[in-house]
Amino acid sequence: MFFTDIVECGVHMVVMEPSCDMAGFAEKYGKTHGFVGNADCRILLSGNKEDIYNEVKRCMDIGKKYPGFIMAVGNHIPANTPVDNALYYNEAYLKLSGR
């Protein structure tokens, strides 16, 4: 809702929380502005490997075609995230990150 206002203020990169419309931002500003994040930490906390893979894939499918995209968990990885889930998140990212 506020992306145009934020871009018009002169920012060059935005951080995406899971509730942000990353696809909309990417389509409108992805060639000229960087964007970070959007993966939901709740999936890392309670999801299984398939859930985690699908969340990483969703983000990578939107972002990796744009030069300023950085994959990240939009609301950060909490300390109580199961280690195996965090490691699998990284594994999924490495598998899907090729351009």
PDB file of N, CA and C in Angstrom:
ATOM      1  N   MET A   1       0.809  -1.188   0.000  1.00  0.00           N
ATOM      2  CA  MET A   1       0.000   0.000   0.000  1.00  0.00           C
ATOM      3  C   MET A   1       0.864   1.269   0.000  1.00  0.00           C
ATOM      4  N   PHE A   2       2.018   1.213   0.675  1.00  0.00           N
ATOM      5  CA  PHE A   2       2.862   2.395   0.804  1.00  0.00           C
ATOM      6  C   PHE A   2       4.139   2.320  -0.026  1.00  0.00           C
ATOM      7  N   PHE A   3       4.309   1.284  -0.820  1.00  0.00           N
ATOM      8  CA  PHE A   3       5.557   1.126  -1.549  1.00  0.00           C
ATOM      9  C   PHE A   3       5.867   2.323  -2.445  1.00  0.00           C
ATOM     10  N   THR A   4       4.886   2.826  -3.148  1.00  0.00           N
ATOM     11  CA  THR A   4       5.132   3.966  -4.031  1.00  0.00           C
ATOM     12  C   THR A   4       5.601   5.166  -3.217  1.00  0.00           C
ATOM     13  N   ASP A   5       4.951   5.417  -2.090  1.00  0.00           N
ATOM     14  CA  ASP A   5       5.362   6.539  -1.229  1.00  0.00           C
ATOM     15  C   ASP A   5       6.792   6.355  -0.735  1.00  0.00           C
ATOM     16  N   ILE A   6       7.124   5.133  -0.351  1.00  0.00           N
ATOM     17  CA  ILE A   6       8.467   4.851   0.166  1.00  0.00           C
ATOM     18  C   ILE A   6       9.509   5.029  -0.929  1.00  0.00           C
ATOM     19  N   VAL A   7       9.231   4.497  -2.102  1.00  0.00           N
ATOM     20  CA  VAL A   7      10.158   4.639  -3.228  1.00  0.00           C
ATOM     21  C   VAL A   7      10.328   6.112  -3.590  1.00  0.00           C
ATOM     22  N   GLU A   8       9.248   6.851  -3.579  1.00  0.00           N
ATOM     23  CA  GLU A   8       9.325   8.277  -3.917  1.00  0.00           C
ATOM     24  C   GLU A   8      10.116   9.082  -2.883  1.00  0.00           C
ATOM     25  N   CYS A   9      10.291   8.544  -1.677  1.00  0.00           N
ATOM     26  CA  CYS A   9      11.129   9.195  -0.660  1.00  0.00           C
ATOM     27  C   CYS A   9      12.610   9.026  -0.965  1.00  0.00           C
ATOM     28  N   GLY A  10      12.945   8.141  -1.892  1.00  0.00           N
ATOM     29  CA  GLY A  10      14.328   7.986  -2.307  1.00  0.00           C
ATOM     30  C   GLY A  10      15.017   6.725  -1.836  1.00  0.00           C
ATOM     31  N   VAL A  11      14.285   5.788  -1.247  1.00  0.00           N
ATOM     32  CA  VAL A  11      14.941   4.558  -0.807  1.00  0.00           C
ATOM     33  C   VAL A  11      15.378   3.733  -2.015  1.00  0.00           C
ATOM     34  N   HIS A  12      16.391   2.913  -1.800  1.00  0.00           N
ATOM     35  CA  HIS A  12      16.900   2.046  -2.861  1.00  0.00           C
ATOM     36  C   HIS A  12      16.618   0.577  -2.597  1.00  0.00           C
ATOM     37  N   MET A  13      16.238   0.251  -1.347  1.00  0.00           N
ATOM     38  CA  MET A  13      15.981  -1.141  -0.979  1.00  0.00           C
ATOM     39  C   MET A  13      14.973  -1.168   0.158  1.00  0.00           C
ATOM     40  N   VAL A  14      14.116  -2.186   0.145  1.00  0.00           N
ATOM     41  CA  VAL A  14      13.145  -2.368   1.222  1.00  0.00           C
ATOM     42  C   VAL A  14      13.259  -3.786   1.768  1.00  0.00           C
ATOM     43  N   VAL A  15      12.905  -3.928   3.036  1.00  0.00           N
ATOM     44  CA  VAL A  15      12.866  -5.237   3.685  1.00  0.00           C
ATOM     45  C   VAL A  15      11.406  -5.660   3.754  1.00  0.00           C
ATOM     46  N   MET A  16      11.129  -6.872   3.319  1.00  0.00           N
ATOM     47  CA  MET A  16       9.765  -7.375   3.237  1.00  0.00           C
ATOM     48  C   MET A  16       9.416  -8.272   4.416  1.00  0.00           C
ATOM     49  N   GLU A  17       8.381  -7.911   5.139  1.00  0.00           N
ATOM     50  CA  GLU A  17       7.805  -8.797   6.133  1.00  0.00           C
ATOM     51  C   GLU A  17       6.895  -9.783   5.392  1.00  0.00           C
ATOM     52  N   PRO A  18       6.533 -10.895   6.033  1.00  0.00           N
ATOM     53  CA  PRO A  18       5.706 -11.890   5.341  1.00  0.00           C
ATOM     54  C   PRO A  18       4.357 -11.363   4.841  1.00  0.00           C
ATOM     55  N   SER A  19       3.851 -10.321   5.460  1.00  0.00           N
ATOM     56  CA  SER A  19       2.557  -9.782   5.044  1.00  0.00           C
ATOM     57  C   SER A  19       2.661  -8.824   3.858  1.00  0.00           C
ATOM     58  N   CYS A  20       3.861  -8.497   3.436  1.00  0.00           N
ATOM     59  CA  CYS A  20       4.060  -7.587   2.304  1.00  0.00           C
ATOM     60  C   CYS A  20       3.797  -8.294   0.979  1.00  0.00           C
ATOM     61  N   ASP A  21       3.367  -7.544   0.006  1.00  0.00           N
ATOM     62  CA  ASP A  21       3.143  -8.063  -1.342  1.00  0.00           C
ATOM     63  C   ASP A  21       4.451  -8.002  -2.127  1.00  0.00           C
ATOM     64  N   MET A  22       5.301  -8.996  -1.907  1.00  0.00           N
ATOM     65  CA  MET A  22       6.590  -9.002  -2.565  1.00  0.00           C
ATOM     66  C   MET A  22       6.443  -9.118  -4.083  1.00  0.00           C
ATOM     67  N   ALA A  23       5.490  -9.909  -4.543  1.00  0.00           N
ATOM     68  CA  ALA A  23       5.299 -10.065  -5.987  1.00  0.00           C
ATOM     69  C   ALA A  23       4.910  -8.730  -6.628  1.00  0.00           C
ATOM     70  N   GLY A  24       4.031  -7.992  -5.976  1.00  0.00           N
ATOM     71  CA  GLY A  24       3.628  -6.689  -6.504  1.00  0.00           C
ATOM     72  C   GLY A  24       4.778  -5.700  -6.541  1.00  0.00           C
ATOM     73  N   PHE A  25       5.571  -5.684  -5.453  1.00  0.00           N
ATOM     74  CA  PHE A  25       6.738  -4.795  -5.424  1.00  0.00           C
ATOM     75  C   PHE A  25       7.726  -5.187  -6.520  1.00  0.00           C
ATOM     76  N   ALA A  26       7.996  -6.470  -6.626  1.00  0.00           N
ATOM     77  CA  ALA A  26       8.971  -6.948  -7.611  1.00  0.00           C
ATOM     78  C   ALA A  26       8.558  -6.570  -9.028  1.00  0.00           C
ATOM     79  N   GLU A  27       7.288  -6.751  -9.324  1.00  0.00           N
ATOM     80  CA  GLU A  27       6.794  -6.445 -10.665  1.00  0.00           C
ATOM     81  C   GLU A  27       6.937  -4.955 -10.987  1.00  0.00           C
ATOM     82  N   LYS A  28       6.665  -4.117  -9.986  1.00  0.00           N
ATOM     83  CA  LYS A  28       6.675  -2.680 -10.224  1.00  0.00           C
ATOM     84  C   LYS A  28       8.067  -2.056 -10.094  1.00  0.00           C
ATOM     85  N   TYR A  29       8.873  -2.553  -9.119  1.00  0.00           N
ATOM     86  CA  TYR A  29      10.143  -1.890  -8.808  1.00  0.00           C
ATOM     87  C   TYR A  29      11.369  -2.812  -8.850  1.00  0.00           C
ATOM     88  N   GLY A  30      11.180  -4.076  -9.138  1.00  0.00           N
ATOM     89  CA  GLY A  30      12.267  -5.042  -9.030  1.00  0.00           C
ATOM     90  C   GLY A  30      13.475  -4.788  -9.910  1.00  0.00           C
ATOM     91  N   LYS A  31      13.289  -4.100 -11.022  1.00  0.00           N
ATOM     92  CA  LYS A  31      14.422  -3.818 -11.913  1.00  0.00           C
ATOM     93  C   LYS A  31      15.230  -2.604 -11.462  1.00  0.00           C
ATOM     94  N   THR A  32      14.652  -1.793 -10.576  1.00  0.00           N
ATOM     95  CA  THR A  32      15.318  -0.555 -10.175  1.00  0.00           C
ATOM     96  C   THR A  32      15.615  -0.463  -8.681  1.00  0.00           C
ATOM     97  N   HIS A  33      14.992  -1.317  -7.867  1.00  0.00           N
ATOM     98  CA  HIS A  33      15.147  -1.261  -6.414  1.00  0.00           C
ATOM     99  C   HIS A  33      15.388  -2.654  -5.848  1.00  0.00           C
ATOM    100  N   GLY A  34      16.187  -2.700  -4.808  1.00  0.00           N
ATOM    101  CA  GLY A  34      16.439  -3.963  -4.144  1.00  0.00           C
ATOM    102  C   GLY A  34      15.344  -4.293  -3.143  1.00  0.00           C
ATOM    103  N   PHE A  35      15.209  -5.582  -2.855  1.00  0.00           N
ATOM    104  CA  PHE A  35      14.255  -6.004  -1.838  1.00  0.00           C
ATOM    105  C   PHE A  35      14.752  -7.277  -1.166  1.00  0.00           C
ATOM    106  N   VAL A  36      14.437  -7.364   0.108  1.00  0.00           N
ATOM    107  CA  VAL A  36      14.965  -8.421   0.974  1.00  0.00           C
ATOM    108  C   VAL A  36      13.819  -9.112   1.671  1.00  0.00           C
ATOM    109  N   GLY A  37      13.902 -10.434   1.762  1.00  0.00           N
ATOM    110  CA  GLY A  37      13.040 -11.137   2.693  1.00  0.00           C
ATOM    111  C   GLY A  37      11.786 -11.744   2.139  1.00  0.00           C
ATOM    112  N   ASN A  38      10.779 -11.767   3.001  1.00  0.00           N
ATOM    113  CA  ASN A  38       9.415 -12.192   2.782  1.00  0.00           C
ATOM    114  C   ASN A  38       9.128 -13.611   3.240  1.00  0.00           C
ATOM    115  N   ALA A  39      10.132 -14.453   3.452  1.00  0.00           N
ATOM    116  CA  ALA A  39       9.854 -15.797   3.965  1.00  0.00           C
ATOM    117  C   ALA A  39       9.331 -15.688   5.397  1.00  0.00           C
ATOM    118  N   ASP A  40       8.393 -16.534   5.745  1.00  0.00           N
ATOM    119  CA  ASP A  40       7.708 -16.468   7.036  1.00  0.00           C
ATOM    120  C   ASP A  40       8.389 -17.373   8.060  1.00  0.00           C
ATOM    121  N   CYS A  41       8.863 -16.785   9.157  1.00  0.00           N
ATOM    122  CA  CYS A  41       9.565 -17.566  10.182  1.00  0.00           C
ATOM    123  C   CYS A  41       8.655 -18.591  10.852  1.00  0.00           C
ATOM    124  N   ARG A  42       7.348 -18.376  10.821  1.00  0.00           N
ATOM    125  CA  ARG A  42       6.425 -19.347  11.436  1.00  0.00           C
ATOM    126  C   ARG A  42       6.517 -20.703  10.750  1.00  0.00           C
ATOM    127  N   ILE A  43       6.841 -20.675   9.454  1.00  0.00           N
ATOM    128  CA  ILE A  43       6.999 -21.943   8.731  1.00  0.00           C
ATOM    129  C   ILE A  43       8.265 -22.649   9.203  1.00  0.00           C
ATOM    130  N   LEU A  44       9.323 -21.898   9.484  1.00  0.00           N
ATOM    131  CA  LEU A  44      10.542 -22.515  10.024  1.00  0.00           C
ATOM    132  C   LEU A  44      10.300 -23.066  11.423  1.00  0.00           C
ATOM    133  N   LEU A  45       9.465 -22.401  12.197  1.00  0.00           N
ATOM    134  CA  LEU A  45       9.204 -22.838  13.564  1.00  0.00           C
ATOM    135  C   LEU A  45       8.377 -24.118  13.624  1.00  0.00           C
ATOM    136  N   SER A  46       7.371 -24.227  12.783  1.00  0.00           N
ATOM    137  CA  SER A  46       6.436 -25.340  12.944  1.00  0.00           C
ATOM    138  C   SER A  46       6.204 -26.169  11.693  1.00  0.00           C
ATOM    139  N   GLY A  47       6.799 -25.782  10.579  1.00  0.00           N
ATOM    140  CA  GLY A  47       6.570 -26.513   9.342  1.00  0.00           C
ATOM    141  C   GLY A  47       7.467 -27.723   9.185  1.00  0.00           C
ATOM    142  N   ASN A  48       7.100 -28.561   8.236  1.00  0.00           N
ATOM    143  CA  ASN A  48       7.942 -29.708   7.897  1.00  0.00           C
ATOM    144  C   ASN A  48       8.819 -29.337   6.705  1.00  0.00           C
ATOM    145  N   LYS A  49       9.623 -30.271   6.241  1.00  0.00           N
ATOM    146  CA  LYS A  49      10.553 -29.969   5.144  1.00  0.00           C
ATOM    147  C   LYS A  49       9.822 -29.515   3.886  1.00  0.00           C
ATOM    148  N   GLU A  50       8.710 -30.122   3.584  1.00  0.00           N
ATOM    149  CA  GLU A  50       7.951 -29.722   2.398  1.00  0.00           C
ATOM    150  C   GLU A  50       7.451 -28.280   2.535  1.00  0.00           C
ATOM    151  N   ASP A  51       6.948 -27.928   3.709  1.00  0.00           N
ATOM    152  CA  ASP A  51       6.487 -26.555   3.949  1.00  0.00           C
ATOM    153  C   ASP A  51       7.629 -25.555   3.773  1.00  0.00           C
ATOM    154  N   ILE A  52       8.784 -25.880   4.357  1.00  0.00           N
ATOM    155  CA  ILE A  52       9.947 -24.992   4.279  1.00  0.00           C
ATOM    156  C   ILE A  52      10.399 -24.847   2.827  1.00  0.00           C
ATOM    157  N   TYR A  53      10.512 -25.946   2.130  1.00  0.00           N
ATOM    158  CA  TYR A  53      10.918 -25.906   0.721  1.00  0.00           C
ATOM    159  C   TYR A  53       9.959 -25.038  -0.097  1.00  0.00           C
ATOM    160  N   ASN A  54       8.652 -25.238   0.112  1.00  0.00           N
ATOM    161  CA  ASN A  54       7.661 -24.480  -0.642  1.00  0.00           C
ATOM    162  C   ASN A  54       7.730 -22.983  -0.344  1.00  0.00           C
ATOM    163  N   GLU A  55       8.041 -22.616   0.903  1.00  0.00           N
ATOM    164  CA  GLU A  55       8.165 -21.199   1.252  1.00  0.00           C
ATOM    165  C   GLU A  55       9.400 -20.585   0.598  1.00  0.00           C
ATOM    166  N   VAL A  56      10.502 -21.294   0.635  1.00  0.00           N
ATOM    167  CA  VAL A  56      11.711 -20.796  -0.027  1.00  0.00           C
ATOM    168  C   VAL A  56      11.469 -20.703  -1.531  1.00  0.00           C
ATOM    169  N   LYS A  57      10.838 -21.694  -2.100  1.00  0.00           N
ATOM    170  CA  LYS A  57      10.550 -21.699  -3.540  1.00  0.00           C
ATOM    171  C   LYS A  57       9.644 -20.534  -3.920  1.00  0.00           C
ATOM    172  N   ARG A  58       8.636 -20.274  -3.109  1.00  0.00           N
ATOM    173  CA  ARG A  58       7.737 -19.152  -3.384  1.00  0.00           C
ATOM    174  C   ARG A  58       8.532 -17.844  -3.475  1.00  0.00           C
ATOM    175  N   CYS A  59       9.388 -17.628  -2.507  1.00  0.00           N
ATOM    176  CA  CYS A  59      10.195 -16.394  -2.492  1.00  0.00           C
ATOM    177  C   CYS A  59      11.180 -16.355  -3.655  1.00  0.00           C
ATOM    178  N   MET A  60      11.859 -17.448  -3.898  1.00  0.00           N
ATOM    179  CA  MET A  60      12.858 -17.477  -4.967  1.00  0.00           C
ATOM    180  C   MET A  60      12.205 -17.328  -6.334  1.00  0.00           C
ATOM    181  N   ASP A  61      11.029 -17.927  -6.529  1.00  0.00           N
ATOM    182  CA  ASP A  61      10.334 -17.798  -7.809  1.00  0.00           C
ATOM    183  C   ASP A  61       9.983 -16.348  -8.106  1.00  0.00           C
ATOM    184  N   ILE A  62       9.686 -15.584  -7.074  1.00  0.00           N
ATOM    185  CA  ILE A  62       9.384 -14.165  -7.261  1.00  0.00           C
ATOM    186  C   ILE A  62      10.665 -13.362  -7.446  1.00  0.00           C
ATOM    187  N   GLY A  63      11.632 -13.560  -6.566  1.00  0.00           N
ATOM    188  CA  GLY A  63      12.741 -12.630  -6.459  1.00  0.00           C
ATOM    189  C   GLY A  63      13.982 -12.880  -7.267  1.00  0.00           C
ATOM    190  N   LYS A  64      14.322 -14.121  -7.525  1.00  0.00           N
ATOM    191  CA  LYS A  64      15.667 -14.360  -8.067  1.00  0.00           C
ATOM    192  C   LYS A  64      15.878 -13.845  -9.484  1.00  0.00           C
ATOM    193  N   LYS A  65      14.838 -13.499 -10.177  1.00  0.00           N
ATOM    194  CA  LYS A  65      15.020 -12.941 -11.525  1.00  0.00           C
ATOM    195  C   LYS A  65      15.358 -11.448 -11.495  1.00  0.00           C
ATOM    196  N   TYR A  66      15.343 -10.852 -10.302  1.00  0.00           N
ATOM    197  CA  TYR A  66      15.648  -9.430 -10.161  1.00  0.00           C
ATOM    198  C   TYR A  66      17.035  -9.248  -9.557  1.00  0.00           C
ATOM    199  N   PRO A  67      17.797  -8.272 -10.045  1.00  0.00           N
ATOM    200  CA  PRO A  67      19.191  -8.131  -9.617  1.00  0.00           C
ATOM    201  C   PRO A  67      19.387  -7.750  -8.154  1.00  0.00           C
ATOM    202  N   GLY A  68      18.417  -7.091  -7.534  1.00  0.00           N
ATOM    203  CA  GLY A  68      18.600  -6.617  -6.169  1.00  0.00           C
ATOM    204  C   GLY A  68      17.882  -7.420  -5.112  1.00  0.00           C
ATOM    205  N   PHE A  69      17.513  -8.667  -5.427  1.00  0.00           N
ATOM    206  CA  PHE A  69      16.787  -9.493  -4.461  1.00  0.00           C
ATOM    207  C   PHE A  69      17.763 -10.212  -3.534  1.00  0.00           C
ATOM    208  N   ILE A  70      17.443 -10.201  -2.237  1.00  0.00           N
ATOM    209  CA  ILE A  70      18.192 -10.962  -1.242  1.00  0.00           C
ATOM    210  C   ILE A  70      17.198 -11.834  -0.493  1.00  0.00           C
ATOM    211  N   MET A  71      17.397 -13.132  -0.552  1.00  0.00           N
ATOM    212  CA  MET A  71      16.520 -14.065   0.166  1.00  0.00           C
ATOM    213  C   MET A  71      16.782 -13.945   1.652  1.00  0.00           C
ATOM    214  N   ALA A  72      15.705 -13.846   2.428  1.00  0.00           N
ATOM    215  CA  ALA A  72      15.826 -13.780   3.882  1.00  0.00           C
ATOM    216  C   ALA A  72      14.481 -14.088   4.511  1.00  0.00           C
ATOM    217  N   VAL A  73      14.526 -14.470   5.749  1.00  0.00           N
ATOM    218  CA  VAL A  73      13.296 -14.615   6.519  1.00  0.00           C
ATOM    219  C   VAL A  73      12.879 -13.200   6.899  1.00  0.00           C
ATOM    220  N   GLY A  74      11.692 -12.812   6.465  1.00  0.00           N
ATOM    221  CA  GLY A  74      11.248 -11.438   6.617  1.00  0.00           C
ATOM    222  C   GLY A  74      11.168 -10.955   8.048  1.00  0.00           C
ATOM    223  N   ASN A  75      10.831 -11.809   8.974  1.00  0.00           N
ATOM    224  CA  ASN A  75      10.733 -11.373  10.362  1.00  0.00           C
ATOM    225  C   ASN A  75      11.777 -12.074  11.225  1.00  0.00           C
ATOM    226  N   HIS A  76      12.879 -12.410  10.618  1.00  0.00           N
ATOM    227  CA  HIS A  76      14.079 -12.970  11.254  1.00  0.00           C
ATOM    228  C   HIS A  76      13.851 -14.375  11.814  1.00  0.00           C
ATOM    229  N   ILE A  77      14.924 -15.092  12.010  1.00  0.00           N
ATOM    230  CA  ILE A  77      14.852 -16.468  12.496  1.00  0.00           C
ATOM    231  C   ILE A  77      14.950 -16.446  14.018  1.00  0.00           C
ATOM    232  N   PRO A  78      13.877 -16.809  14.717  1.00  0.00           N
ATOM    233  CA  PRO A  78      13.902 -16.786  16.185  1.00  0.00           C
ATOM    234  C   PRO A  78      14.856 -17.825  16.764  1.00  0.00           C
ATOM    235  N   ALA A  79      15.302 -17.563  17.978  1.00  0.00           N
ATOM    236  CA  ALA A  79      16.256 -18.457  18.647  1.00  0.00           C
ATOM    237  C   ALA A  79      15.689 -19.847  18.882  1.00  0.00           C
ATOM    238  N   ASN A  80      14.379 -19.988  18.967  1.00  0.00           N
ATOM    239  CA  ASN A  80      13.782 -21.300  19.235  1.00  0.00           C
ATOM    240  C   ASN A  80      13.440 -22.079  17.958  1.00  0.00           C
ATOM    241  N   THR A  81      13.959 -21.635  16.824  1.00  0.00           N
ATOM    242  CA  THR A  81      13.769 -22.385  15.581  1.00  0.00           C
ATOM    243  C   THR A  81      14.531 -23.700  15.669  1.00  0.00           C
ATOM    244  N   PRO A  82      13.875 -24.826  15.359  1.00  0.00           N
ATOM    245  CA  PRO A  82      14.608 -26.095  15.364  1.00  0.00           C
ATOM    246  C   PRO A  82      15.812 -26.023  14.414  1.00  0.00           C
ATOM    247  N   VAL A  83      16.960 -26.457  14.896  1.00  0.00           N
ATOM    248  CA  VAL A  83      18.190 -26.377  14.106  1.00  0.00           C
ATOM    249  C   VAL A  83      18.032 -27.101  12.775  1.00  0.00           C
ATOM    250  N   ASP A  84      17.408 -28.268  12.782  1.00  0.00           N
ATOM    251  CA  ASP A  84      17.219 -29.010  11.539  1.00  0.00           C
ATOM    252  C   ASP A  84      16.394 -28.208  10.528  1.00  0.00           C
ATOM    253  N   ASN A  85      15.413 -27.460  11.004  1.00  0.00           N
ATOM    254  CA  ASN A  85      14.605 -26.641  10.097  1.00  0.00           C
ATOM    255  C   ASN A  85      15.425 -25.498   9.511  1.00  0.00           C
ATOM    256  N   ALA A  86      16.249 -24.869  10.335  1.00  0.00           N
ATOM    257  CA  ALA A  86      17.102 -23.782   9.844  1.00  0.00           C
ATOM    258  C   ALA A  86      18.103 -24.306   8.814  1.00  0.00           C
ATOM    259  N   LEU A  87      18.678 -25.463   9.089  1.00  0.00           N
ATOM    260  CA  LEU A  87      19.629 -26.059   8.149  1.00  0.00           C
ATOM    261  C   LEU A  87      18.944 -26.440   6.846  1.00  0.00           C
ATOM    262  N   TYR A  88      17.715 -26.952   6.940  1.00  0.00           N
ATOM    263  CA  TYR A  88      16.991 -27.324   5.734  1.00  0.00           C
ATOM    264  C   TYR A  88      16.594 -26.080   4.927  1.00  0.00           C
ATOM    265  N   TYR A  89      16.254 -24.999   5.609  1.00  0.00           N
ATOM    266  CA  TYR A  89      15.969 -23.720   4.939  1.00  0.00           C
ATOM    267  C   TYR A  89      17.171 -23.319   4.077  1.00  0.00           C
ATOM    268  N   ASN A  90      18.362 -23.412   4.642  1.00  0.00           N
ATOM    269  CA  ASN A  90      19.576 -23.070   3.898  1.00  0.00           C
ATOM    270  C   ASN A  90      19.798 -24.042   2.739  1.00  0.00           C
ATOM    271  N   GLU A  91      19.554 -25.307   2.969  1.00  0.00           N
ATOM    272  CA  GLU A  91      19.704 -26.315   1.918  1.00  0.00           C
ATOM    273  C   GLU A  91      18.748 -26.025   0.756  1.00  0.00           C
ATOM    274  N   ALA A  92      17.499 -25.706   1.088  1.00  0.00           N
ATOM    275  CA  ALA A  92      16.519 -25.386   0.042  1.00  0.00           C
ATOM    276  C   ALA A  92      16.943 -24.142  -0.722  1.00  0.00           C
ATOM    277  N   TYR A  93      17.433 -23.138   0.014  1.00  0.00           N
ATOM    278  CA  TYR A  93      17.913 -21.917  -0.646  1.00  0.00           C
ATOM    279  C   TYR A  93      19.050 -22.235  -1.618  1.00  0.00           C
ATOM    280  N   LEU A  94      20.028 -23.022  -1.176  1.00  0.00           N
ATOM    281  CA  LEU A  94      21.163 -23.343  -2.047  1.00  0.00           C
ATOM    282  C   LEU A  94      20.689 -24.078  -3.304  1.00  0.00           C
ATOM    283  N   LYS A  95      19.721 -24.954  -3.144  1.00  0.00           N
ATOM    284  CA  LYS A  95      19.203 -25.706  -4.290  1.00  0.00           C
ATOM    285  C   LYS A  95      18.470 -24.814  -5.286  1.00  0.00           C
ATOM    286  N   LEU A  96      17.752 -23.818  -4.768  1.00  0.00           N
ATOM    287  CA  LEU A  96      16.894 -22.998  -5.613  1.00  0.00           C
ATOM    288  C   LEU A  96      17.507 -21.666  -6.048  1.00  0.00           C
ATOM    289  N   SER A  97      18.705 -21.366  -5.581  1.00  0.00           N
ATOM    290  CA  SER A  97      19.261 -20.031  -5.785  1.00  0.00           C
ATOM    291  C   SER A  97      19.940 -19.803  -7.135  1.00  0.00           C
ATOM    292  N   GLY A  98      20.181 -20.841  -7.876  1.00  0.00           N
ATOM    293  CA  GLY A  98      20.840 -20.669  -9.167  1.00  0.00           C
ATOM    294  C   GLY A  98      20.008 -19.844 -10.129  1.00  0.00           C
ATOM    295  N   ARG A  99      20.684 -18.991 -10.878  1.00  0.00           N
ATOM    296  CA  ARG A  99      19.980 -18.149 -11.856  1.00  0.00           C
ATOM    297  C   ARG A  99      20.166 -18.685 -13.238  1.00  0.00           C
TER     298      ARG A  99
END
